[in-house]
Amino acid sequence: MNAVDDFLLARQHFKEKYDFVTRISKIVGKQNVEPRRGWANVLLFRLSLIGTSMLRLTDTDNDSGPETHLEFYVLDHCSIAALGRALVEAAGQCSPISPI
């Protein structure tokens, strides 16, 4: 299996888990809970928000956006920073001189 196929397979597995989290988030988000439990709802929403950003950043279709498969169009700072750091670290591992 080449790197592209491996990436697409991993992205598909991530998308399946993402769909599960967003279904739970939609159900839980409608419930009225006490503030102590509401914090978990906020974290779950944040998790789905980051998942949306990661799917958008790794999308192979150029025409995707809010009008296609994703429910809303988001690119949050944390996801962009995480992807940027991963790219910098991966580039450092490929270079002959490893960064300190």
N, C-alpha and C. Protein backbone atom coordinates (compact mmCIF):
# COMPACT_ATOMS: atom_id res chain seq x y z
N MET A 1 0.85 -1.17 0.00
CA MET A 1 0.00 0.00 0.00
C MET A 1 0.90 1.24 0.00
N ASN A 2 0.64 2.15 -0.92
CA ASN A 2 1.46 3.36 -0.97
C ASN A 2 0.96 4.40 0.04
N ALA A 3 1.69 5.48 0.17
CA ALA A 3 1.38 6.49 1.18
C ALA A 3 0.04 7.17 0.93
N VAL A 4 -0.31 7.40 -0.32
CA VAL A 4 -1.58 8.06 -0.63
C VAL A 4 -2.76 7.17 -0.24
N ASP A 5 -2.69 5.90 -0.59
CA ASP A 5 -3.77 4.99 -0.22
C ASP A 5 -3.88 4.84 1.29
N ASP A 6 -2.74 4.81 1.96
CA ASP A 6 -2.73 4.72 3.42
C ASP A 6 -3.38 5.95 4.04
N PHE A 7 -3.06 7.13 3.51
CA PHE A 7 -3.67 8.37 3.99
C PHE A 7 -5.17 8.38 3.78
N LEU A 8 -5.60 8.01 2.58
CA LEU A 8 -7.04 8.02 2.28
C LEU A 8 -7.80 7.02 3.14
N LEU A 9 -7.19 5.87 3.41
CA LEU A 9 -7.82 4.89 4.29
C LEU A 9 -7.93 5.42 5.72
N ALA A 10 -6.85 6.04 6.21
CA ALA A 10 -6.87 6.61 7.56
C ALA A 10 -7.89 7.74 7.65
N ARG A 11 -7.99 8.56 6.60
CA ARG A 11 -8.97 9.65 6.60
C ARG A 11 -10.40 9.09 6.60
N GLN A 12 -10.62 8.01 5.89
CA GLN A 12 -11.95 7.39 5.87
C GLN A 12 -12.32 6.85 7.25
N HIS A 13 -11.36 6.23 7.94
CA HIS A 13 -11.62 5.75 9.30
C HIS A 13 -11.91 6.91 10.25
N PHE A 14 -11.16 8.00 10.08
CA PHE A 14 -11.40 9.19 10.90
C PHE A 14 -12.79 9.75 10.63
N LYS A 15 -13.19 9.79 9.36
CA LYS A 15 -14.51 10.32 8.99
C LYS A 15 -15.63 9.50 9.61
N GLU A 16 -15.46 8.18 9.67
CA GLU A 16 -16.48 7.32 10.30
C GLU A 16 -16.62 7.64 11.79
N LYS A 17 -15.50 7.83 12.47
CA LYS A 17 -15.55 8.17 13.89
C LYS A 17 -16.10 9.57 14.09
N TYR A 18 -15.74 10.48 13.18
CA TYR A 18 -16.25 11.85 13.22
C TYR A 18 -17.77 11.87 13.08
N ASP A 19 -18.30 11.10 12.15
CA ASP A 19 -19.75 11.04 11.97
C ASP A 19 -20.44 10.55 13.24
N PHE A 20 -19.85 9.58 13.92
CA PHE A 20 -20.40 9.07 15.18
C PHE A 20 -20.41 10.17 16.25
N VAL A 21 -19.31 10.91 16.37
CA VAL A 21 -19.22 11.98 17.38
C VAL A 21 -20.23 13.09 17.09
N THR A 22 -20.39 13.46 15.83
CA THR A 22 -21.33 14.53 15.52
C THR A 22 -22.78 14.10 15.76
N ARG A 23 -23.09 12.82 15.54
CA ARG A 23 -24.45 12.34 15.86
C ARG A 23 -24.72 12.45 17.36
N ILE A 24 -23.74 12.05 18.16
CA ILE A 24 -23.90 12.15 19.62
C ILE A 24 -24.00 13.61 20.03
N SER A 25 -23.17 14.46 19.46
CA SER A 25 -23.18 15.89 19.81
C SER A 25 -24.53 16.53 19.51
N LYS A 26 -25.15 16.16 18.40
CA LYS A 26 -26.46 16.73 18.06
C LYS A 26 -27.53 16.29 19.05
N ILE A 27 -27.46 15.05 19.50
CA ILE A 27 -28.45 14.54 20.45
C ILE A 27 -28.24 15.15 21.83
N VAL A 28 -27.01 15.16 22.28
CA VAL A 28 -26.70 15.65 23.63
C VAL A 28 -26.87 17.17 23.71
N GLY A 29 -26.55 17.86 22.64
CA GLY A 29 -26.64 19.33 22.64
C GLY A 29 -28.04 19.86 22.85
N LYS A 30 -29.05 19.09 22.55
CA LYS A 30 -30.43 19.53 22.71
C LYS A 30 -30.95 19.35 24.12
N GLN A 31 -30.22 18.62 24.95
CA GLN A 31 -30.69 18.34 26.30
C GLN A 31 -30.31 19.47 27.25
N ASN A 32 -31.16 19.68 28.23
CA ASN A 32 -30.92 20.67 29.26
C ASN A 32 -30.25 19.97 30.44
N VAL A 33 -29.03 20.35 30.76
CA VAL A 33 -28.30 19.70 31.84
C VAL A 33 -27.76 20.76 32.80
N GLU A 34 -27.36 20.30 33.97
CA GLU A 34 -26.75 21.20 34.94
C GLU A 34 -25.39 21.66 34.45
N PRO A 35 -24.89 22.80 34.94
CA PRO A 35 -23.62 23.34 34.44
C PRO A 35 -22.44 22.37 34.54
N ARG A 36 -22.42 21.55 35.58
CA ARG A 36 -21.31 20.61 35.73
C ARG A 36 -21.26 19.63 34.56
N ARG A 37 -22.40 19.17 34.13
CA ARG A 37 -22.45 18.24 32.98
C ARG A 37 -22.43 18.99 31.65
N GLY A 38 -22.81 20.24 31.68
CA GLY A 38 -22.78 21.05 30.45
C GLY A 38 -21.38 21.22 29.91
N TRP A 39 -20.38 21.19 30.81
CA TRP A 39 -18.99 21.32 30.38
C TRP A 39 -18.61 20.18 29.45
N ALA A 40 -19.10 18.98 29.71
CA ALA A 40 -18.83 17.84 28.83
C ALA A 40 -19.44 18.07 27.45
N ASN A 41 -20.61 18.70 27.40
CA ASN A 41 -21.24 19.01 26.11
C ASN A 41 -20.40 20.01 25.32
N VAL A 42 -19.83 20.98 26.04
CA VAL A 42 -18.97 21.96 25.37
C VAL A 42 -17.74 21.27 24.80
N LEU A 43 -17.13 20.37 25.56
CA LEU A 43 -15.96 19.65 25.08
C LEU A 43 -16.30 18.75 23.88
N LEU A 44 -17.47 18.13 23.92
CA LEU A 44 -17.88 17.29 22.80
C LEU A 44 -18.10 18.13 21.55
N PHE A 45 -18.71 19.31 21.71
CA PHE A 45 -18.89 20.20 20.57
C PHE A 45 -17.54 20.64 20.02
N ARG A 46 -16.61 20.95 20.91
CA ARG A 46 -15.27 21.36 20.49
C ARG A 46 -14.57 20.24 19.71
N LEU A 47 -14.75 19.02 20.18
CA LEU A 47 -14.18 17.87 19.49
C LEU A 47 -14.74 17.74 18.08
N SER A 48 -16.04 17.93 17.93
CA SER A 48 -16.64 17.84 16.59
C SER A 48 -16.21 19.02 15.72
N LEU A 49 -15.99 20.18 16.33
CA LEU A 49 -15.52 21.34 15.59
C LEU A 49 -14.12 21.10 15.04
N ILE A 50 -13.24 20.55 15.86
CA ILE A 50 -11.88 20.23 15.42
C ILE A 50 -11.92 19.16 14.33
N GLY A 51 -12.79 18.17 14.49
CA GLY A 51 -12.92 17.14 13.46
C GLY A 51 -13.36 17.71 12.13
N THR A 52 -14.28 18.67 12.17
CA THR A 52 -14.74 19.31 10.94
C THR A 52 -13.58 20.04 10.27
N SER A 53 -12.80 20.75 11.07
CA SER A 53 -11.66 21.48 10.51
C SER A 53 -10.64 20.52 9.90
N MET A 54 -10.35 19.43 10.60
CA MET A 54 -9.36 18.49 10.09
C MET A 54 -9.83 17.83 8.79
N LEU A 55 -11.11 17.52 8.72
CA LEU A 55 -11.63 16.95 7.47
C LEU A 55 -11.56 17.97 6.34
N ARG A 56 -11.84 19.21 6.65
CA ARG A 56 -11.78 20.25 5.62
C ARG A 56 -10.35 20.48 5.15
N LEU A 57 -9.40 20.47 6.09
CA LEU A 57 -8.01 20.71 5.74
C LEU A 57 -7.41 19.56 4.93
N THR A 58 -7.92 18.35 5.13
CA THR A 58 -7.37 17.19 4.42
C THR A 58 -8.26 16.73 3.27
N ASP A 59 -9.23 17.55 2.90
CA ASP A 59 -10.15 17.16 1.84
C ASP A 59 -9.42 17.14 0.50
N THR A 60 -9.64 16.10 -0.26
CA THR A 60 -9.00 15.98 -1.57
C THR A 60 -9.83 16.61 -2.69
N ASP A 61 -11.09 16.94 -2.42
CA ASP A 61 -11.94 17.61 -3.41
C ASP A 61 -11.81 19.11 -3.25
N ASN A 62 -11.58 19.81 -4.34
CA ASN A 62 -11.44 21.26 -4.27
C ASN A 62 -12.77 21.98 -4.15
N ASP A 63 -13.85 21.32 -4.51
CA ASP A 63 -15.16 21.99 -4.52
C ASP A 63 -15.96 21.76 -3.25
N SER A 64 -15.34 21.21 -2.21
CA SER A 64 -16.10 20.95 -0.99
C SER A 64 -16.23 22.23 -0.18
N GLY A 65 -17.24 22.29 0.62
CA GLY A 65 -17.50 23.46 1.44
C GLY A 65 -18.81 23.28 2.17
N PRO A 66 -19.42 24.38 2.58
CA PRO A 66 -20.65 24.26 3.37
C PRO A 66 -21.82 23.69 2.58
N GLU A 67 -21.76 23.80 1.25
CA GLU A 67 -22.88 23.31 0.44
C GLU A 67 -22.75 21.84 0.08
N THR A 68 -21.68 21.18 0.49
CA THR A 68 -21.52 19.76 0.16
C THR A 68 -21.66 18.91 1.41
N HIS A 69 -20.76 17.95 1.65
CA HIS A 69 -20.94 16.94 2.68
C HIS A 69 -20.76 17.46 4.11
N LEU A 70 -20.06 18.56 4.33
CA LEU A 70 -19.88 19.07 5.67
C LEU A 70 -21.05 19.98 6.04
N GLU A 71 -21.49 19.88 7.28
CA GLU A 71 -22.65 20.65 7.71
C GLU A 71 -22.32 22.13 7.86
N PHE A 72 -21.13 22.44 8.32
CA PHE A 72 -20.72 23.84 8.43
C PHE A 72 -19.25 23.95 8.07
N TYR A 73 -18.86 25.13 7.67
CA TYR A 73 -17.51 25.36 7.17
C TYR A 73 -16.69 26.04 8.27
N VAL A 74 -15.69 25.35 8.77
CA VAL A 74 -14.92 25.86 9.89
C VAL A 74 -13.45 25.51 9.69
N LEU A 75 -12.60 26.44 9.98
CA LEU A 75 -11.17 26.19 10.10
C LEU A 75 -10.73 26.86 11.39
N ASP A 76 -10.64 26.10 12.47
CA ASP A 76 -10.27 26.70 13.75
C ASP A 76 -8.77 26.75 13.91
N HIS A 77 -8.31 27.64 14.77
CA HIS A 77 -6.88 27.88 14.94
C HIS A 77 -6.14 26.65 15.46
N CYS A 78 -6.74 25.93 16.38
CA CYS A 78 -6.07 24.76 16.97
C CYS A 78 -5.78 23.69 15.91
N SER A 79 -6.73 23.45 15.03
CA SER A 79 -6.53 22.43 14.00
C SER A 79 -5.46 22.84 13.00
N ILE A 80 -5.48 24.11 12.62
CA ILE A 80 -4.47 24.60 11.69
C ILE A 80 -3.09 24.52 12.32
N ALA A 81 -2.99 24.89 13.60
CA ALA A 81 -1.70 24.83 14.30
C ALA A 81 -1.22 23.38 14.43
N ALA A 82 -2.12 22.47 14.75
CA ALA A 82 -1.74 21.06 14.89
C ALA A 82 -1.25 20.49 13.57
N LEU A 83 -1.94 20.79 12.50
CA LEU A 83 -1.52 20.31 11.19
C LEU A 83 -0.20 20.94 10.77
N GLY A 84 -0.05 22.23 11.03
CA GLY A 84 1.20 22.91 10.71
C GLY A 84 2.39 22.33 11.46
N ARG A 85 2.18 22.05 12.75
CA ARG A 85 3.27 21.46 13.54
C ARG A 85 3.63 20.07 13.03
N ALA A 86 2.62 19.28 12.69
CA ALA A 86 2.88 17.94 12.17
C ALA A 86 3.66 18.00 10.86
N LEU A 87 3.32 18.97 10.01
CA LEU A 87 4.05 19.12 8.74
C LEU A 87 5.50 19.54 8.97
N VAL A 88 5.72 20.46 9.92
CA VAL A 88 7.08 20.90 10.22
C VAL A 88 7.90 19.75 10.79
N GLU A 89 7.29 18.97 11.71
CA GLU A 89 8.01 17.84 12.28
C GLU A 89 8.30 16.77 11.23
N ALA A 90 7.35 16.53 10.34
CA ALA A 90 7.56 15.55 9.28
C ALA A 90 8.65 16.02 8.32
N ALA A 91 8.68 17.30 8.02
CA ALA A 91 9.71 17.84 7.14
C ALA A 91 11.08 17.75 7.80
N GLY A 92 11.13 17.94 9.12
CA GLY A 92 12.39 17.84 9.85
C GLY A 92 12.93 16.43 9.86
N GLN A 93 12.06 15.44 9.86
CA GLN A 93 12.50 14.05 9.85
C GLN A 93 13.00 13.63 8.48
N CYS A 94 12.54 14.31 7.45
CA CYS A 94 12.96 13.94 6.10
C CYS A 94 14.26 14.62 5.69
N SER A 95 14.62 15.69 6.37
CA SER A 95 15.83 16.42 5.98
C SER A 95 17.07 15.71 6.53
N PRO A 96 18.22 15.92 5.86
CA PRO A 96 19.43 15.25 6.33
C PRO A 96 19.91 15.77 7.69
N ILE A 97 19.61 17.03 8.02
CA ILE A 97 19.99 17.60 9.31
C ILE A 97 18.73 17.73 10.14
N SER A 98 18.67 17.01 11.24
CA SER A 98 17.50 17.03 12.10
C SER A 98 17.49 18.30 12.96
N PRO A 99 16.33 18.96 13.11
CA PRO A 99 16.28 20.17 13.94
C PRO A 99 16.48 19.82 15.41
N ILE A 100 17.01 20.75 16.15
CA ILE A 100 17.28 20.53 17.58
C ILE A 100 16.03 20.71 18.37
